[in-house]
Amino acid sequence: MDENPEQENIHLATVLADAKEPFLRMRTRWSYLESQLDTWKDFVRYRTAMYLFAVLGIISLFVAPIGAPLLLGLAAYYFHRKKHAHSLVISNRVVMVGH
């Protein structure tokens, strides 16, 4: 198969964006904080629920062992939800913040 030496090779490329809005935009610091506030509140809620269910599960091991697996399972569930919310809050995405 003869190829034209002057012809350029064209390759397909895919760009993945994990942001809801993949294009950067300028906004104020306050509007940026407001957009991240709900995610941060979810992180705090999941962390609180994780610790609460973990403590109740450990106490339940000695008082009523039949409820311990449920409470410890809920603690594990909220642990994974907390990790996901933390990865959204602490992200290394480039953000342009204007004045």
N, C-alpha and C. Protein backbone atom coordinates (compact mmCIF):
# COMPACT_ATOMS: atom_id res chain seq x y z
N MET A 1 0.84 -1.17 0.00
CA MET A 1 0.00 0.00 0.00
C MET A 1 0.89 1.24 0.00
N ASP A 2 0.77 2.02 -1.04
CA ASP A 2 1.57 3.24 -1.15
C ASP A 2 0.86 4.39 -0.46
N GLU A 3 1.60 5.06 0.42
CA GLU A 3 1.05 6.24 1.09
C GLU A 3 1.74 7.48 0.54
N ASN A 4 1.01 8.52 0.47
CA ASN A 4 1.55 9.79 0.03
C ASN A 4 2.43 10.35 1.15
N PRO A 5 3.71 10.61 0.93
CA PRO A 5 4.58 11.09 2.01
C PRO A 5 4.18 12.47 2.52
N GLU A 6 3.44 13.22 1.73
CA GLU A 6 3.03 14.55 2.16
C GLU A 6 1.75 14.50 2.99
N GLN A 7 1.09 13.35 3.00
CA GLN A 7 -0.18 13.24 3.72
C GLN A 7 0.10 13.08 5.22
N GLU A 8 -0.64 13.83 6.03
CA GLU A 8 -0.43 13.78 7.48
C GLU A 8 -1.26 12.65 8.07
N ASN A 9 -0.73 12.05 9.09
CA ASN A 9 -1.49 11.03 9.80
C ASN A 9 -2.43 11.70 10.78
N ILE A 10 -3.67 11.31 10.75
CA ILE A 10 -4.68 11.88 11.65
C ILE A 10 -5.10 10.79 12.62
N HIS A 11 -5.07 11.09 13.89
CA HIS A 11 -5.45 10.13 14.93
C HIS A 11 -6.65 10.65 15.70
N LEU A 12 -7.47 9.73 16.15
CA LEU A 12 -8.60 10.12 16.97
C LEU A 12 -8.15 10.27 18.41
N ALA A 13 -8.76 11.19 19.13
CA ALA A 13 -8.42 11.41 20.53
C ALA A 13 -9.71 11.63 21.32
N THR A 14 -9.69 11.22 22.56
CA THR A 14 -10.83 11.40 23.45
C THR A 14 -10.38 12.17 24.66
N VAL A 15 -11.16 13.14 25.06
CA VAL A 15 -10.86 13.92 26.25
C VAL A 15 -11.97 13.68 27.26
N LEU A 16 -11.60 13.24 28.45
CA LEU A 16 -12.58 13.00 29.49
C LEU A 16 -12.61 14.18 30.45
N ALA A 17 -13.77 14.59 30.85
CA ALA A 17 -13.91 15.69 31.80
C ALA A 17 -14.82 15.22 32.92
N ASP A 18 -14.35 15.34 34.15
CA ASP A 18 -15.16 14.90 35.27
C ASP A 18 -16.00 16.03 35.84
N ALA A 19 -15.85 17.21 35.33
CA ALA A 19 -16.62 18.34 35.83
C ALA A 19 -17.97 18.41 35.12
N LYS A 20 -18.96 18.98 35.80
CA LYS A 20 -20.26 19.16 35.17
C LYS A 20 -20.15 20.14 34.01
N GLU A 21 -19.34 21.13 34.18
CA GLU A 21 -19.10 22.12 33.13
C GLU A 21 -17.64 22.01 32.71
N PRO A 22 -17.36 21.34 31.62
CA PRO A 22 -15.96 21.09 31.27
C PRO A 22 -15.17 22.32 30.87
N PHE A 23 -15.83 23.42 30.54
CA PHE A 23 -15.12 24.62 30.14
C PHE A 23 -14.91 25.52 31.36
N LEU A 24 -13.72 26.03 31.50
CA LEU A 24 -13.43 26.91 32.61
C LEU A 24 -14.14 28.24 32.42
N ARG A 25 -14.59 28.80 33.51
CA ARG A 25 -15.23 30.10 33.41
C ARG A 25 -14.82 30.95 34.60
N MET A 26 -14.82 32.21 34.38
CA MET A 26 -14.46 33.14 35.45
C MET A 26 -15.67 33.39 36.32
N ARG A 27 -15.45 33.39 37.62
CA ARG A 27 -16.52 33.75 38.55
C ARG A 27 -15.89 34.24 39.83
N THR A 28 -16.71 34.77 40.72
CA THR A 28 -16.18 35.33 41.95
C THR A 28 -15.87 34.21 42.94
N ARG A 29 -15.10 34.52 43.94
CA ARG A 29 -14.78 33.53 44.97
C ARG A 29 -16.04 33.08 45.70
N TRP A 30 -16.94 34.02 45.96
CA TRP A 30 -18.15 33.69 46.70
C TRP A 30 -19.04 32.73 45.90
N SER A 31 -19.18 32.94 44.61
CA SER A 31 -20.01 32.03 43.81
C SER A 31 -19.37 30.65 43.71
N TYR A 32 -18.02 30.60 43.68
CA TYR A 32 -17.34 29.30 43.68
C TYR A 32 -17.58 28.57 44.99
N LEU A 33 -17.47 29.28 46.11
CA LEU A 33 -17.72 28.65 47.41
C LEU A 33 -19.17 28.19 47.52
N GLU A 34 -20.09 28.98 47.02
CA GLU A 34 -21.50 28.58 47.05
C GLU A 34 -21.74 27.32 46.22
N SER A 35 -21.04 27.18 45.12
CA SER A 35 -21.23 25.99 44.28
C SER A 35 -20.66 24.73 44.95
N GLN A 36 -19.65 24.89 45.80
CA GLN A 36 -19.03 23.74 46.47
C GLN A 36 -19.60 23.48 47.86
N LEU A 37 -20.45 24.36 48.36
CA LEU A 37 -20.93 24.25 49.73
C LEU A 37 -21.78 23.01 49.95
N ASP A 38 -22.66 22.66 49.02
CA ASP A 38 -23.51 21.48 49.19
C ASP A 38 -22.68 20.20 49.25
N THR A 39 -21.65 20.11 48.42
CA THR A 39 -20.79 18.93 48.44
C THR A 39 -20.04 18.85 49.77
N TRP A 40 -19.58 19.97 50.28
CA TRP A 40 -18.87 19.96 51.56
C TRP A 40 -19.81 19.57 52.69
N LYS A 41 -21.06 20.06 52.66
CA LYS A 41 -22.04 19.68 53.69
C LYS A 41 -22.32 18.18 53.65
N ASP A 42 -22.43 17.61 52.44
CA ASP A 42 -22.62 16.17 52.33
C ASP A 42 -21.46 15.41 52.94
N PHE A 43 -20.23 15.89 52.71
CA PHE A 43 -19.05 15.25 53.29
C PHE A 43 -19.14 15.24 54.81
N VAL A 44 -19.54 16.36 55.41
CA VAL A 44 -19.65 16.44 56.88
C VAL A 44 -20.76 15.53 57.38
N ARG A 45 -21.89 15.49 56.68
CA ARG A 45 -22.99 14.60 57.08
C ARG A 45 -22.58 13.14 57.03
N TYR A 46 -21.93 12.72 55.96
CA TYR A 46 -21.52 11.32 55.82
C TYR A 46 -20.48 10.95 56.87
N ARG A 47 -19.57 11.86 57.17
CA ARG A 47 -18.55 11.59 58.19
C ARG A 47 -19.20 11.43 59.55
N THR A 48 -20.16 12.29 59.88
CA THR A 48 -20.85 12.21 61.16
C THR A 48 -21.64 10.91 61.26
N ALA A 49 -22.36 10.55 60.19
CA ALA A 49 -23.13 9.31 60.21
C ALA A 49 -22.22 8.10 60.32
N MET A 50 -21.06 8.14 59.66
CA MET A 50 -20.13 7.02 59.73
C MET A 50 -19.66 6.79 61.17
N TYR A 51 -19.23 7.86 61.84
CA TYR A 51 -18.77 7.72 63.22
C TYR A 51 -19.90 7.30 64.15
N LEU A 52 -21.09 7.84 63.95
CA LEU A 52 -22.23 7.50 64.80
C LEU A 52 -22.57 6.02 64.66
N PHE A 53 -22.69 5.52 63.44
CA PHE A 53 -23.04 4.11 63.25
C PHE A 53 -21.91 3.18 63.69
N ALA A 54 -20.66 3.60 63.56
CA ALA A 54 -19.54 2.77 64.03
C ALA A 54 -19.58 2.63 65.55
N VAL A 55 -19.78 3.73 66.25
CA VAL A 55 -19.84 3.68 67.72
C VAL A 55 -21.05 2.87 68.17
N LEU A 56 -22.21 3.11 67.56
CA LEU A 56 -23.41 2.34 67.93
C LEU A 56 -23.24 0.86 67.61
N GLY A 57 -22.55 0.55 66.51
CA GLY A 57 -22.31 -0.85 66.16
C GLY A 57 -21.41 -1.54 67.16
N ILE A 58 -20.37 -0.86 67.62
CA ILE A 58 -19.46 -1.45 68.61
C ILE A 58 -20.19 -1.63 69.94
N ILE A 59 -20.98 -0.64 70.34
CA ILE A 59 -21.76 -0.78 71.58
C ILE A 59 -22.78 -1.90 71.43
N SER A 60 -23.37 -2.01 70.25
CA SER A 60 -24.38 -3.04 70.00
C SER A 60 -23.79 -4.45 70.05
N LEU A 61 -22.50 -4.59 69.80
CA LEU A 61 -21.87 -5.91 69.91
C LEU A 61 -22.02 -6.51 71.30
N PHE A 62 -22.00 -5.63 72.32
CA PHE A 62 -22.07 -6.11 73.70
C PHE A 62 -23.49 -6.10 74.26
N VAL A 63 -24.34 -5.23 73.74
CA VAL A 63 -25.70 -5.09 74.29
C VAL A 63 -26.69 -5.96 73.53
N ALA A 64 -26.78 -5.77 72.24
CA ALA A 64 -27.72 -6.53 71.40
C ALA A 64 -26.99 -6.93 70.13
N PRO A 65 -26.30 -8.07 70.15
CA PRO A 65 -25.44 -8.45 69.02
C PRO A 65 -26.18 -8.64 67.70
N ILE A 66 -27.49 -8.81 67.74
CA ILE A 66 -28.21 -9.03 66.49
C ILE A 66 -28.26 -7.77 65.61
N GLY A 67 -28.15 -6.60 66.22
CA GLY A 67 -28.19 -5.36 65.45
C GLY A 67 -26.83 -4.86 65.01
N ALA A 68 -25.77 -5.49 65.52
CA ALA A 68 -24.41 -5.02 65.22
C ALA A 68 -24.06 -5.10 63.73
N PRO A 69 -24.38 -6.20 63.03
CA PRO A 69 -24.01 -6.24 61.60
C PRO A 69 -24.68 -5.13 60.77
N LEU A 70 -25.93 -4.82 61.10
CA LEU A 70 -26.62 -3.75 60.38
C LEU A 70 -25.96 -2.41 60.63
N LEU A 71 -25.65 -2.11 61.89
CA LEU A 71 -25.04 -0.82 62.21
C LEU A 71 -23.63 -0.71 61.64
N LEU A 72 -22.86 -1.79 61.71
CA LEU A 72 -21.51 -1.75 61.15
C LEU A 72 -21.55 -1.69 59.62
N GLY A 73 -22.56 -2.31 59.02
CA GLY A 73 -22.74 -2.21 57.57
C GLY A 73 -23.08 -0.79 57.15
N LEU A 74 -23.93 -0.12 57.94
CA LEU A 74 -24.24 1.28 57.65
C LEU A 74 -23.01 2.17 57.82
N ALA A 75 -22.17 1.85 58.81
CA ALA A 75 -20.93 2.62 58.98
C ALA A 75 -20.03 2.46 57.76
N ALA A 76 -19.94 1.23 57.23
CA ALA A 76 -19.12 1.00 56.03
C ALA A 76 -19.71 1.72 54.82
N TYR A 77 -21.04 1.72 54.70
CA TYR A 77 -21.70 2.41 53.60
C TYR A 77 -21.39 3.90 53.63
N TYR A 78 -21.53 4.51 54.80
CA TYR A 78 -21.27 5.95 54.91
C TYR A 78 -19.77 6.25 54.80
N PHE A 79 -18.92 5.29 55.14
CA PHE A 79 -17.49 5.48 54.93
C PHE A 79 -17.18 5.64 53.45
N HIS A 80 -17.79 4.81 52.61
CA HIS A 80 -17.56 4.92 51.16
C HIS A 80 -18.20 6.17 50.58
N ARG A 81 -19.37 6.55 51.11
CA ARG A 81 -19.98 7.80 50.65
C ARG A 81 -19.10 9.00 51.04
N LYS A 82 -18.50 8.93 52.24
CA LYS A 82 -17.61 10.01 52.70
C LYS A 82 -16.38 10.10 51.80
N LYS A 83 -15.81 8.95 51.43
CA LYS A 83 -14.64 8.96 50.55
C LYS A 83 -14.97 9.59 49.21
N HIS A 84 -16.15 9.28 48.68
CA HIS A 84 -16.54 9.86 47.39
C HIS A 84 -16.74 11.37 47.52
N ALA A 85 -17.42 11.80 48.57
CA ALA A 85 -17.64 13.24 48.76
C ALA A 85 -16.31 13.95 48.99
N HIS A 86 -15.38 13.30 49.70
CA HIS A 86 -14.06 13.90 49.94
C HIS A 86 -13.30 14.06 48.63
N SER A 87 -13.43 13.08 47.75
CA SER A 87 -12.72 13.19 46.47
C SER A 87 -13.28 14.31 45.61
N LEU A 88 -14.57 14.64 45.81
CA LEU A 88 -15.13 15.77 45.07
C LEU A 88 -14.71 17.10 45.67
N VAL A 89 -14.62 17.15 47.00
CA VAL A 89 -14.24 18.40 47.66
C VAL A 89 -12.76 18.68 47.45
N ILE A 90 -11.92 17.67 47.68
CA ILE A 90 -10.47 17.82 47.51
C ILE A 90 -10.12 17.27 46.14
N SER A 91 -10.21 18.09 45.14
CA SER A 91 -9.94 17.66 43.79
C SER A 91 -8.82 18.50 43.21
N ASN A 92 -8.10 17.95 42.25
CA ASN A 92 -6.99 18.70 41.67
C ASN A 92 -7.38 19.32 40.32
N ARG A 93 -8.65 19.57 40.13
CA ARG A 93 -9.10 20.21 38.91
C ARG A 93 -8.65 21.67 38.89
N VAL A 94 -8.36 22.17 37.72
CA VAL A 94 -7.98 23.56 37.56
C VAL A 94 -9.24 24.41 37.61
N VAL A 95 -9.25 25.41 38.46
CA VAL A 95 -10.41 26.29 38.58
C VAL A 95 -9.93 27.71 38.42
N MET A 96 -10.58 28.46 37.55
CA MET A 96 -10.26 29.86 37.38
C MET A 96 -11.19 30.67 38.26
N VAL A 97 -10.64 31.38 39.19
CA VAL A 97 -11.44 32.21 40.10
C VAL A 97 -11.10 33.66 39.81
N GLY A 98 -12.13 34.43 39.48
CA GLY A 98 -11.93 35.84 39.17
C GLY A 98 -12.19 36.70 40.38
N HIS A 99 -12.07 38.00 40.21
CA HIS A 99 -12.30 38.94 41.32
C HIS A 99 -13.72 39.39 41.31
